């Protein structure tokens, strides 16, 4: 497991949720439905962290696009 991927995941997640405690809770405890109900940390530890990065990047893009049209 590359610790850089976890840093990347946390950095992206903090752009969506500024509460660091909420981000850490999400990282370790939230089962992500679209990723077969795995927590982000589980995916990072099994070499699938890029799936989480892609999901977060998509969410950030969608959020930014939503602000642009509002």
PDB file of N, CA and C in Angstrom:
ATOM      1  N   UNK A   1       0.839  -1.178   0.000  1.00  0.00           N
ATOM      2  CA  UNK A   1       0.000   0.000   0.000  1.00  0.00           C
ATOM      3  C   UNK A   1       0.880   1.237   0.000  1.00  0.00           C
ATOM      4  N   UNK A   2       0.528   2.164  -0.831  1.00  0.00           N
ATOM      5  CA  UNK A   2       1.257   3.419  -0.966  1.00  0.00           C
ATOM      6  C   UNK A   2       0.609   4.463  -0.057  1.00  0.00           C
ATOM      7  N   UNK A   3       1.363   4.969   0.922  1.00  0.00           N
ATOM      8  CA  UNK A   3       0.791   5.969   1.831  1.00  0.00           C
ATOM      9  C   UNK A   3       0.405   7.244   1.084  1.00  0.00           C
ATOM     10  N   UNK A   4       0.997   7.457  -0.089  1.00  0.00           N
ATOM     11  CA  UNK A   4       0.644   8.622  -0.892  1.00  0.00           C
ATOM     12  C   UNK A   4      -0.798   8.599  -1.350  1.00  0.00           C
ATOM     13  N   UNK A   5      -1.334   7.413  -1.594  1.00  0.00           N
ATOM     14  CA  UNK A   5      -2.727   7.321  -2.052  1.00  0.00           C
ATOM     15  C   UNK A   5      -3.676   7.728  -0.927  1.00  0.00           C
ATOM     16  N   UNK A   6      -3.342   7.375   0.300  1.00  0.00           N
ATOM     17  CA  UNK A   6      -4.187   7.782   1.427  1.00  0.00           C
ATOM     18  C   UNK A   6      -4.134   9.295   1.590  1.00  0.00           C
ATOM     19  N   UNK A   7      -2.960   9.866   1.462  1.00  0.00           N
ATOM     20  CA  UNK A   7      -2.822  11.325   1.537  1.00  0.00           C
ATOM     21  C   UNK A   7      -3.665  11.985   0.448  1.00  0.00           C
ATOM     22  N   UNK A   8      -3.635  11.436  -0.741  1.00  0.00           N
ATOM     23  CA  UNK A   8      -4.422  11.969  -1.852  1.00  0.00           C
ATOM     24  C   UNK A   8      -5.917  11.868  -1.555  1.00  0.00           C
ATOM     25  N   UNK A   9      -6.350  10.716  -1.062  1.00  0.00           N
ATOM     26  CA  UNK A   9      -7.766  10.513  -0.728  1.00  0.00           C
ATOM     27  C   UNK A   9      -8.210  11.511   0.335  1.00  0.00           C
ATOM     28  N   UNK A  10      -7.418  11.658   1.391  1.00  0.00           N
ATOM     29  CA  UNK A  10      -7.777  12.578   2.476  1.00  0.00           C
ATOM     30  C   UNK A  10      -7.818  14.020   1.970  1.00  0.00           C
ATOM     31  N   UNK A  11      -6.848  14.413   1.172  1.00  0.00           N
ATOM     32  CA  UNK A  11      -6.814  15.779   0.636  1.00  0.00           C
ATOM     33  C   UNK A  11      -8.053  16.069  -0.208  1.00  0.00           C
ATOM     34  N   UNK A  12      -8.418  15.134  -1.071  1.00  0.00           N
ATOM     35  CA  UNK A  12      -9.618  15.319  -1.894  1.00  0.00           C
ATOM     36  C   UNK A  12     -10.875  15.347  -1.030  1.00  0.00           C
ATOM     37  N   UNK A  13     -10.956  14.439  -0.067  1.00  0.00           N
ATOM     38  CA  UNK A  13     -12.134  14.385   0.805  1.00  0.00           C
ATOM     39  C   UNK A  13     -12.282  15.675   1.605  1.00  0.00           C
ATOM     40  N   UNK A  14     -11.167  16.248   2.039  1.00  0.00           N
ATOM     41  CA  UNK A  14     -11.225  17.496   2.803  1.00  0.00           C
ATOM     42  C   UNK A  14     -11.684  18.673   1.946  1.00  0.00           C
ATOM     43  N   UNK A  15     -11.544  18.570   0.653  1.00  0.00           N
ATOM     44  CA  UNK A  15     -12.073  19.617  -0.233  1.00  0.00           C
ATOM     45  C   UNK A  15     -13.601  19.551  -0.292  1.00  0.00           C
ATOM     46  N   UNK A  16     -14.152  18.369  -0.047  1.00  0.00           N
ATOM     47  CA  UNK A  16     -15.609  18.202  -0.023  1.00  0.00           C
ATOM     48  C   UNK A  16     -16.180  18.426   1.372  1.00  0.00           C
ATOM     49  N   UNK A  17     -15.409  18.047   2.384  1.00  0.00           N
ATOM     50  CA  UNK A  17     -15.857  18.129   3.778  1.00  0.00           C
ATOM     51  C   UNK A  17     -14.728  18.718   4.617  1.00  0.00           C
ATOM     52  N   UNK A  18     -14.868  19.971   5.038  1.00  0.00           N
ATOM     53  CA  UNK A  18     -13.776  20.617   5.773  1.00  0.00           C
ATOM     54  C   UNK A  18     -13.568  20.099   7.200  1.00  0.00           C
ATOM     55  N   UNK A  19     -14.528  19.382   7.748  1.00  0.00           N
ATOM     56  CA  UNK A  19     -14.400  18.837   9.107  1.00  0.00           C
ATOM     57  C   UNK A  19     -13.489  17.610   9.073  1.00  0.00           C
ATOM     58  N   UNK A  20     -12.271  17.777   9.547  1.00  0.00           N
ATOM     59  CA  UNK A  20     -11.268  16.707   9.477  1.00  0.00           C
ATOM     60  C   UNK A  20     -11.738  15.441  10.201  1.00  0.00           C
ATOM     61  N   UNK A  21     -12.405  15.583  11.334  1.00  0.00           N
ATOM     62  CA  UNK A  21     -12.890  14.412  12.064  1.00  0.00           C
ATOM     63  C   UNK A  21     -13.912  13.646  11.230  1.00  0.00           C
ATOM     64  N   UNK A  22     -14.773  14.356  10.538  1.00  0.00           N
ATOM     65  CA  UNK A  22     -15.759  13.707   9.670  1.00  0.00           C
ATOM     66  C   UNK A  22     -15.073  12.972   8.525  1.00  0.00           C
ATOM     67  N   UNK A  23     -14.013  13.558   7.983  1.00  0.00           N
ATOM     68  CA  UNK A  23     -13.267  12.903   6.898  1.00  0.00           C
ATOM     69  C   UNK A  23     -12.642  11.610   7.400  1.00  0.00           C
ATOM     70  N   UNK A  24     -12.001  11.646   8.564  1.00  0.00           N
ATOM     71  CA  UNK A  24     -11.368  10.436   9.103  1.00  0.00           C
ATOM     72  C   UNK A  24     -12.415   9.373   9.423  1.00  0.00           C
ATOM     73  N   UNK A  25     -13.561   9.794   9.942  1.00  0.00           N
ATOM     74  CA  UNK A  25     -14.641   8.844  10.208  1.00  0.00           C
ATOM     75  C   UNK A  25     -15.099   8.199   8.901  1.00  0.00           C
ATOM     76  N   UNK A  26     -15.274   9.011   7.867  1.00  0.00           N
ATOM     77  CA  UNK A  26     -15.666   8.492   6.551  1.00  0.00           C
ATOM     78  C   UNK A  26     -14.612   7.530   6.013  1.00  0.00           C
ATOM     79  N   UNK A  27     -13.340   7.915   6.099  1.00  0.00           N
ATOM     80  CA  UNK A  27     -12.241   7.110   5.569  1.00  0.00           C
ATOM     81  C   UNK A  27     -12.240   5.701   6.151  1.00  0.00           C
ATOM     82  N   UNK A  28     -12.462   5.593   7.450  1.00  0.00           N
ATOM     83  CA  UNK A  28     -12.362   4.302   8.129  1.00  0.00           C
ATOM     84  C   UNK A  28     -13.689   3.559   8.279  1.00  0.00           C
ATOM     85  N   UNK A  29     -14.801   4.282   8.347  1.00  0.00           N
ATOM     86  CA  UNK A  29     -16.052   3.634   8.760  1.00  0.00           C
ATOM     87  C   UNK A  29     -17.168   3.589   7.731  1.00  0.00           C
ATOM     88  N   UNK A  30     -17.143   4.454   6.745  1.00  0.00           N
ATOM     89  CA  UNK A  30     -18.254   4.502   5.795  1.00  0.00           C
ATOM     90  C   UNK A  30     -18.056   3.492   4.679  1.00  0.00           C
ATOM     91  N   UNK A  31     -19.029   2.623   4.531  1.00  0.00           N
ATOM     92  CA  UNK A  31     -19.026   1.658   3.432  1.00  0.00           C
ATOM     93  C   UNK A  31     -19.615   2.365   2.210  1.00  0.00           C
ATOM     94  N   UNK A  32     -18.831   2.447   1.155  1.00  0.00           N
ATOM     95  CA  UNK A  32     -19.220   3.199  -0.038  1.00  0.00           C
ATOM     96  C   UNK A  32     -19.997   2.281  -0.976  1.00  0.00           C
ATOM     97  N   UNK A  33     -21.275   2.580  -1.126  1.00  0.00           N
ATOM     98  CA  UNK A  33     -22.163   1.721  -1.916  1.00  0.00           C
ATOM     99  C   UNK A  33     -21.649   1.505  -3.335  1.00  0.00           C
ATOM    100  N   UNK A  34     -21.218   2.572  -3.979  1.00  0.00           N
ATOM    101  CA  UNK A  34     -20.778   2.460  -5.374  1.00  0.00           C
ATOM    102  C   UNK A  34     -19.455   1.710  -5.528  1.00  0.00           C
ATOM    103  N   UNK A  35     -18.781   1.437  -4.426  1.00  0.00           N
ATOM    104  CA  UNK A  35     -17.517   0.690  -4.458  1.00  0.00           C
ATOM    105  C   UNK A  35     -17.664  -0.624  -3.687  1.00  0.00           C
ATOM    106  N   UNK A  36     -18.753  -1.309  -3.953  1.00  0.00           N
ATOM    107  CA  UNK A  36     -19.033  -2.631  -3.378  1.00  0.00           C
ATOM    108  C   UNK A  36     -19.038  -2.642  -1.855  1.00  0.00           C
ATOM    109  N   UNK A  37     -19.487  -1.545  -1.275  1.00  0.00           N
ATOM    110  CA  UNK A  37     -19.647  -1.437   0.181  1.00  0.00           C
ATOM    111  C   UNK A  37     -18.338  -1.608   0.947  1.00  0.00           C
ATOM    112  N   UNK A  38     -17.254  -1.117   0.379  1.00  0.00           N
ATOM    113  CA  UNK A  38     -15.964  -1.119   1.070  1.00  0.00           C
ATOM    114  C   UNK A  38     -15.688   0.288   1.579  1.00  0.00           C
ATOM    115  N   UNK A  39     -14.971   0.378   2.687  1.00  0.00           N
ATOM    116  CA  UNK A  39     -14.514   1.677   3.181  1.00  0.00           C
ATOM    117  C   UNK A  39     -13.323   2.124   2.338  1.00  0.00           C
ATOM    118  N   UNK A  40     -13.123   3.414   2.268  1.00  0.00           N
ATOM    119  CA  UNK A  40     -12.013   3.956   1.476  1.00  0.00           C
ATOM    120  C   UNK A  40     -10.680   3.374   1.926  1.00  0.00           C
ATOM    121  N   UNK A  41     -10.482   3.232   3.221  1.00  0.00           N
ATOM    122  CA  UNK A  41      -9.210   2.705   3.724  1.00  0.00           C
ATOM    123  C   UNK A  41      -9.002   1.256   3.287  1.00  0.00           C
ATOM    124  N   UNK A  42     -10.078   0.478   3.244  1.00  0.00           N
ATOM    125  CA  UNK A  42      -9.967  -0.914   2.785  1.00  0.00           C
ATOM    126  C   UNK A  42      -9.476  -0.962   1.338  1.00  0.00           C
ATOM    127  N   UNK A  43     -10.042  -0.104   0.521  1.00  0.00           N
ATOM    128  CA  UNK A  43      -9.651  -0.074  -0.884  1.00  0.00           C
ATOM    129  C   UNK A  43      -8.200   0.373  -1.035  1.00  0.00           C
ATOM    130  N   UNK A  44      -7.799   1.343  -0.243  1.00  0.00           N
ATOM    131  CA  UNK A  44      -6.406   1.797  -0.303  1.00  0.00           C
ATOM    132  C   UNK A  44      -5.452   0.672   0.075  1.00  0.00           C
ATOM    133  N   UNK A  45      -5.802  -0.086   1.104  1.00  0.00           N
ATOM    134  CA  UNK A  45      -4.925  -1.165   1.562  1.00  0.00           C
ATOM    135  C   UNK A  45      -4.879  -2.347   0.606  1.00  0.00           C
ATOM    136  N   UNK A  46      -5.857  -2.458  -0.277  1.00  0.00           N
ATOM    137  CA  UNK A  46      -5.858  -3.572  -1.229  1.00  0.00           C
ATOM    138  C   UNK A  46      -5.448  -3.124  -2.633  1.00  0.00           C
ATOM    139  N   UNK A  47      -4.818  -1.956  -2.710  1.00  0.00           N
ATOM    140  CA  UNK A  47      -4.315  -1.484  -3.997  1.00  0.00           C
ATOM    141  C   UNK A  47      -5.368  -0.905  -4.918  1.00  0.00           C
ATOM    142  N   UNK A  48      -6.543  -0.581  -4.360  1.00  0.00           N
ATOM    143  CA  UNK A  48      -7.636  -0.048  -5.172  1.00  0.00           C
ATOM    144  C   UNK A  48      -7.976   1.399  -4.819  1.00  0.00           C
ATOM    145  N   UNK A  49      -7.030   2.083  -4.222  1.00  0.00           N
ATOM    146  CA  UNK A  49      -7.260   3.463  -3.804  1.00  0.00           C
ATOM    147  C   UNK A  49      -7.607   4.401  -4.944  1.00  0.00           C
ATOM    148  N   UNK A  50      -7.114   4.097  -6.144  1.00  0.00           N
ATOM    149  CA  UNK A  50      -7.425   4.951  -7.297  1.00  0.00           C
ATOM    150  C   UNK A  50      -8.928   5.000  -7.572  1.00  0.00           C
ATOM    151  N   UNK A  51      -9.647   3.946  -7.210  1.00  0.00           N
ATOM    152  CA  UNK A  51     -11.108   3.959  -7.379  1.00  0.00           C
ATOM    153  C   UNK A  51     -11.726   5.038  -6.497  1.00  0.00           C
ATOM    154  N   UNK A  52     -11.204   5.178  -5.294  1.00  0.00           N
ATOM    155  CA  UNK A  52     -11.700   6.204  -4.368  1.00  0.00           C
ATOM    156  C   UNK A  52     -11.329   7.589  -4.892  1.00  0.00           C
ATOM    157  N   UNK A  53     -10.107   7.735  -5.369  1.00  0.00           N
ATOM    158  CA  UNK A  53      -9.664   9.012  -5.937  1.00  0.00           C
ATOM    159  C   UNK A  53     -10.574   9.415  -7.090  1.00  0.00           C
ATOM    160  N   UNK A  54     -10.861   8.495  -7.976  1.00  0.00           N
ATOM    161  CA  UNK A  54     -11.740   8.788  -9.117  1.00  0.00           C
ATOM    162  C   UNK A  54     -13.122   9.210  -8.641  1.00  0.00           C
ATOM    163  N   UNK A  55     -13.669   8.504  -7.654  1.00  0.00           N
ATOM    164  CA  UNK A  55     -14.983   8.845  -7.118  1.00  0.00           C
ATOM    165  C   UNK A  55     -14.977  10.258  -6.537  1.00  0.00           C
ATOM    166  N   UNK A  56     -13.942  10.588  -5.754  1.00  0.00           N
ATOM    167  CA  UNK A  56     -13.859  11.910  -5.140  1.00  0.00           C
ATOM    168  C   UNK A  56     -13.651  13.002  -6.187  1.00  0.00           C
ATOM    169  N   UNK A  57     -12.812  12.745  -7.174  1.00  0.00           N
ATOM    170  CA  UNK A  57     -12.604  13.725  -8.246  1.00  0.00           C
ATOM    171  C   UNK A  57     -13.897  13.984  -9.007  1.00  0.00           C
ATOM    172  N   UNK A  58     -14.678  12.948  -9.237  1.00  0.00           N
ATOM    173  CA  UNK A  58     -15.970  13.105  -9.907  1.00  0.00           C
ATOM    174  C   UNK A  58     -16.910  13.945  -9.052  1.00  0.00           C
ATOM    175  N   UNK A  59     -16.942  13.669  -7.756  1.00  0.00           N
ATOM    176  CA  UNK A  59     -17.796  14.438  -6.849  1.00  0.00           C
ATOM    177  C   UNK A  59     -17.382  15.907  -6.822  1.00  0.00           C
ATOM    178  N   UNK A  60     -16.085  16.165  -6.787  1.00  0.00           N
ATOM    179  CA  UNK A  60     -15.602  17.551  -6.809  1.00  0.00           C
ATOM    180  C   UNK A  60     -15.970  18.239  -8.119  1.00  0.00           C
ATOM    181  N   UNK A  61     -15.816  17.529  -9.216  1.00  0.00           N
ATOM    182  CA  UNK A  61     -16.178  18.091 -10.523  1.00  0.00           C
ATOM    183  C   UNK A  61     -17.665  18.417 -10.559  1.00  0.00           C
ATOM    184  N   UNK A  62     -18.489  17.482 -10.092  1.00  0.00           N
ATOM    185  CA  UNK A  62     -19.936  17.691 -10.093  1.00  0.00           C
ATOM    186  C   UNK A  62     -20.322  18.864  -9.195  1.00  0.00           C
ATOM    187  N   UNK A  63     -19.656  18.971  -8.034  1.00  0.00           N
ATOM    188  CA  UNK A  63     -19.947  20.073  -7.118  1.00  0.00           C
ATOM    189  C   UNK A  63     -19.568  21.409  -7.753  1.00  0.00           C
ATOM    190  N   UNK A  64     -18.418  21.460  -8.386  1.00  0.00           N
ATOM    191  CA  UNK A  64     -17.957  22.679  -9.052  1.00  0.00           C
ATOM    192  C   UNK A  64     -18.888  23.053 -10.202  1.00  0.00           C
ATOM    193  N   UNK A  65     -19.296  22.076 -10.980  1.00  0.00           N
ATOM    194  CA  UNK A  65     -20.213  22.325 -12.097  1.00  0.00           C
ATOM    195  C   UNK A  65     -21.555  22.824 -11.576  1.00  0.00           C
ATOM    196  N   UNK A  66     -22.001  22.278 -10.450  1.00  0.00           N
ATOM    197  CA  UNK A  66     -23.256  22.711  -9.854  1.00  0.00           C
ATOM    198  C   UNK A  66     -23.212  24.156  -9.398  1.00  0.00           C
ATOM    199  N   UNK A  67     -22.071  24.577  -8.859  1.00  0.00           N
ATOM    200  CA  UNK A  67     -21.913  25.967  -8.435  1.00  0.00           C
ATOM    201  C   UNK A  67     -21.889  26.911  -9.636  1.00  0.00           C
ATOM    202  N   UNK A  68     -21.319  26.441 -10.728  1.00  0.00           N
ATOM    203  CA  UNK A  68     -21.205  27.280 -11.928  1.00  0.00           C
ATOM    204  C   UNK A  68     -22.571  27.553 -12.547  1.00  0.00           C
ATOM    205  N   UNK A  69     -23.501  26.619 -12.390  1.00  0.00           N
ATOM    206  CA  UNK A  69     -24.826  26.792 -12.992  1.00  0.00           C
ATOM    207  C   UNK A  69     -25.810  27.441 -12.034  1.00  0.00           C
ATOM    208  N   UNK A  70     -25.435  27.592 -10.780  1.00  0.00           N
ATOM    209  CA  UNK A  70     -26.354  28.174  -9.786  1.00  0.00           C
ATOM    210  C   UNK A  70     -26.385  29.677  -9.867  1.00  0.00           C
TER     211      UNK A  70
END
